[in-house]
């Protein structure tokens, strides 16, 4: 996936691999996925303080990264009442519990 990512030029934020979830970008990793509108991805990346310079951010998380960021993302998402974000983080933290997580049994 990294070789392919190197060929992509126009996007707001790129999430590489199954562990890189929007929830981590939103809650704790710092990459921003506020997408450019009206085809602006041709010349700009995600919204940040350097919005006038084209910088495209990306996120790649291995198992150690998941162990570090998933639980804080679960807690913050739960606190904010954002259950879909919580589930997205929790599934990556505990994939063996996917049925219980996605059924809403833990809500």
C-alpha atoms as a PDB file:
ATOM      1  CA  UNK A   1       0.000   0.000   0.000  1.00  0.00           C
ATOM      2  CA  UNK A   2       2.880   2.425   0.615  1.00  0.00           C
ATOM      3  CA  UNK A   3       4.076   2.130  -2.995  1.00  0.00           C
ATOM      4  CA  UNK A   4       0.580   2.926  -4.234  1.00  0.00           C
ATOM      5  CA  UNK A   5       0.288   5.812  -1.772  1.00  0.00           C
ATOM      6  CA  UNK A   6       3.419   7.331  -3.291  1.00  0.00           C
ATOM      7  CA  UNK A   7       1.641   7.568  -6.649  1.00  0.00           C
ATOM      8  CA  UNK A   8      -1.490   9.324  -5.353  1.00  0.00           C
ATOM      9  CA  UNK A   9      -1.356  13.110  -5.535  1.00  0.00           C
ATOM     10  CA  UNK A  10      -4.843  14.505  -4.896  1.00  0.00           C
ATOM     11  CA  UNK A  11      -6.586  13.662  -1.626  1.00  0.00           C
ATOM     12  CA  UNK A  12      -7.570  15.269   1.655  1.00  0.00           C
ATOM     13  CA  UNK A  13      -5.988  12.675   3.945  1.00  0.00           C
ATOM     14  CA  UNK A  14      -4.897   9.128   3.153  1.00  0.00           C
ATOM     15  CA  UNK A  15      -5.554   6.200   5.497  1.00  0.00           C
ATOM     16  CA  UNK A  16      -3.232   3.309   4.672  1.00  0.00           C
ATOM     17  CA  UNK A  17      -4.137  -0.238   5.729  1.00  0.00           C
ATOM     18  CA  UNK A  18      -7.006  -1.669   7.740  1.00  0.00           C
ATOM     19  CA  UNK A  19      -5.769  -0.223  11.041  1.00  0.00           C
ATOM     20  CA  UNK A  20      -5.659   3.391   9.873  1.00  0.00           C
ATOM     21  CA  UNK A  21      -9.135   4.644  10.753  1.00  0.00           C
ATOM     22  CA  UNK A  22     -10.709   8.073  10.501  1.00  0.00           C
ATOM     23  CA  UNK A  23     -11.496   7.810  14.215  1.00  0.00           C
ATOM     24  CA  UNK A  24      -7.777   8.006  15.093  1.00  0.00           C
ATOM     25  CA  UNK A  25      -7.349  11.003  12.817  1.00  0.00           C
ATOM     26  CA  UNK A  26     -10.347  12.703  14.434  1.00  0.00           C
ATOM     27  CA  UNK A  27      -9.496  11.880  18.013  1.00  0.00           C
ATOM     28  CA  UNK A  28      -5.785  11.535  18.656  1.00  0.00           C
ATOM     29  CA  UNK A  29      -3.257  11.211  15.796  1.00  0.00           C
ATOM     30  CA  UNK A  30      -3.257  14.701  14.393  1.00  0.00           C
ATOM     31  CA  UNK A  31      -3.809  13.949  10.710  1.00  0.00           C
ATOM     32  CA  UNK A  32      -6.870  15.857   9.593  1.00  0.00           C
ATOM     33  CA  UNK A  33      -9.361  14.501   7.105  1.00  0.00           C
ATOM     34  CA  UNK A  34     -11.419  17.638   6.588  1.00  0.00           C
ATOM     35  CA  UNK A  35     -11.698  17.196   2.871  1.00  0.00           C
ATOM     36  CA  UNK A  36     -11.296  19.926   0.315  1.00  0.00           C
ATOM     37  CA  UNK A  37     -14.511  20.653  -1.583  1.00  0.00           C
ATOM     38  CA  UNK A  38     -15.265  21.561  -5.197  1.00  0.00           C
ATOM     39  CA  UNK A  39     -12.286  19.545  -6.538  1.00  0.00           C
ATOM     40  CA  UNK A  40      -9.840  21.573  -4.419  1.00  0.00           C
ATOM     41  CA  UNK A  41      -7.892  18.348  -3.681  1.00  0.00           C
ATOM     42  CA  UNK A  42      -6.122  19.139  -6.966  1.00  0.00           C
ATOM     43  CA  UNK A  43      -4.101  21.770  -5.116  1.00  0.00           C
ATOM     44  CA  UNK A  44      -4.636  21.316  -1.369  1.00  0.00           C
ATOM     45  CA  UNK A  45      -4.668  18.575   1.251  1.00  0.00           C
ATOM     46  CA  UNK A  46      -6.616  18.354   4.513  1.00  0.00           C
ATOM     47  CA  UNK A  47      -7.434  21.521   6.440  1.00  0.00           C
ATOM     48  CA  UNK A  48      -4.694  22.726   8.792  1.00  0.00           C
ATOM     49  CA  UNK A  49      -2.753  25.921   9.556  1.00  0.00           C
ATOM     50  CA  UNK A  50      -0.677  25.560   6.397  1.00  0.00           C
ATOM     51  CA  UNK A  51      -3.775  25.420   4.207  1.00  0.00           C
ATOM     52  CA  UNK A  52      -2.183  27.699   1.635  1.00  0.00           C
ATOM     53  CA  UNK A  53       0.601  25.191   0.948  1.00  0.00           C
ATOM     54  CA  UNK A  54      -0.178  21.779  -0.536  1.00  0.00           C
ATOM     55  CA  UNK A  55       0.704  19.193   2.088  1.00  0.00           C
ATOM     56  CA  UNK A  56      -1.019  15.806   2.001  1.00  0.00           C
ATOM     57  CA  UNK A  57      -1.047  14.005   5.337  1.00  0.00           C
ATOM     58  CA  UNK A  58      -1.259  10.262   5.807  1.00  0.00           C
ATOM     59  CA  UNK A  59      -1.664   7.759   8.602  1.00  0.00           C
ATOM     60  CA  UNK A  60      -0.318   4.220   8.904  1.00  0.00           C
ATOM     61  CA  UNK A  61      -0.763   2.340  12.168  1.00  0.00           C
ATOM     62  CA  UNK A  62       0.702  -1.024  13.112  1.00  0.00           C
ATOM     63  CA  UNK A  63      -0.365  -3.185  16.062  1.00  0.00           C
ATOM     64  CA  UNK A  64       1.794  -1.190  18.508  1.00  0.00           C
ATOM     65  CA  UNK A  65       0.134   2.000  17.308  1.00  0.00           C
ATOM     66  CA  UNK A  66      -3.321   0.490  17.761  1.00  0.00           C
ATOM     67  CA  UNK A  67      -2.369  -0.502  21.310  1.00  0.00           C
ATOM     68  CA  UNK A  68      -1.335   3.100  21.986  1.00  0.00           C
ATOM     69  CA  UNK A  69      -4.196   5.073  20.421  1.00  0.00           C
ATOM     70  CA  UNK A  70      -7.300   2.881  20.234  1.00  0.00           C
ATOM     71  CA  UNK A  71      -8.334   2.961  23.890  1.00  0.00           C
ATOM     72  CA  UNK A  72      -8.059   6.778  24.176  1.00  0.00           C
ATOM     73  CA  UNK A  73     -10.093   7.050  20.950  1.00  0.00           C
ATOM     74  CA  UNK A  74     -12.718   4.668  22.400  1.00  0.00           C
ATOM     75  CA  UNK A  75     -12.969   6.757  25.596  1.00  0.00           C
ATOM     76  CA  UNK A  76     -13.136  10.097  23.815  1.00  0.00           C
ATOM     77  CA  UNK A  77     -15.695   8.847  21.304  1.00  0.00           C
ATOM     78  CA  UNK A  78     -17.852   7.389  24.090  1.00  0.00           C
ATOM     79  CA  UNK A  79     -17.654  10.674  26.015  1.00  0.00           C
ATOM     80  CA  UNK A  80     -18.738  12.600  22.914  1.00  0.00           C
ATOM     81  CA  UNK A  81     -21.566  10.144  22.188  1.00  0.00           C
ATOM     82  CA  UNK A  82     -20.022   9.194  18.846  1.00  0.00           C
ATOM     83  CA  UNK A  83     -20.766   5.476  18.897  1.00  0.00           C
ATOM     84  CA  UNK A  84     -19.713   4.740  15.304  1.00  0.00           C
ATOM     85  CA  UNK A  85     -16.292   6.255  15.993  1.00  0.00           C
ATOM     86  CA  UNK A  86     -16.078   4.271  19.228  1.00  0.00           C
ATOM     87  CA  UNK A  87     -16.937   1.055  17.401  1.00  0.00           C
ATOM     88  CA  UNK A  88     -14.376   1.739  14.657  1.00  0.00           C
ATOM     89  CA  UNK A  89     -11.610   2.103  17.243  1.00  0.00           C
ATOM     90  CA  UNK A  90     -12.803  -0.790  19.390  1.00  0.00           C
ATOM     91  CA  UNK A  91     -12.995  -3.196  16.422  1.00  0.00           C
ATOM     92  CA  UNK A  92      -9.338  -2.509  15.687  1.00  0.00           C
ATOM     93  CA  UNK A  93      -8.424  -2.940  19.341  1.00  0.00           C
ATOM     94  CA  UNK A  94     -10.456  -6.135  19.836  1.00  0.00           C
ATOM     95  CA  UNK A  95     -11.210  -7.660  16.403  1.00  0.00           C
ATOM     96  CA  UNK A  96     -12.222 -10.955  18.013  1.00  0.00           C
ATOM     97  CA  UNK A  97     -15.245  -9.140  19.534  1.00  0.00           C
ATOM     98  CA  UNK A  98     -16.503  -7.668  16.244  1.00  0.00           C
ATOM     99  CA  UNK A  99     -19.992  -9.199  16.541  1.00  0.00           C
ATOM    100  CA  UNK A 100     -20.590  -7.804  20.037  1.00  0.00           C
ATOM    101  CA  UNK A 101     -19.140  -4.429  19.056  1.00  0.00           C
ATOM    102  CA  UNK A 102     -21.131  -3.987  15.843  1.00  0.00           C
ATOM    103  CA  UNK A 103     -24.400  -5.338  17.268  1.00  0.00           C
ATOM    104  CA  UNK A 104     -24.617  -2.449  19.704  1.00  0.00           C
ATOM    105  CA  UNK A 105     -24.433  -4.785  22.699  1.00  0.00           C
ATOM    106  CA  UNK A 106     -21.685  -2.584  24.177  1.00  0.00           C
ATOM    107  CA  UNK A 107     -23.387   0.752  23.614  1.00  0.00           C
END
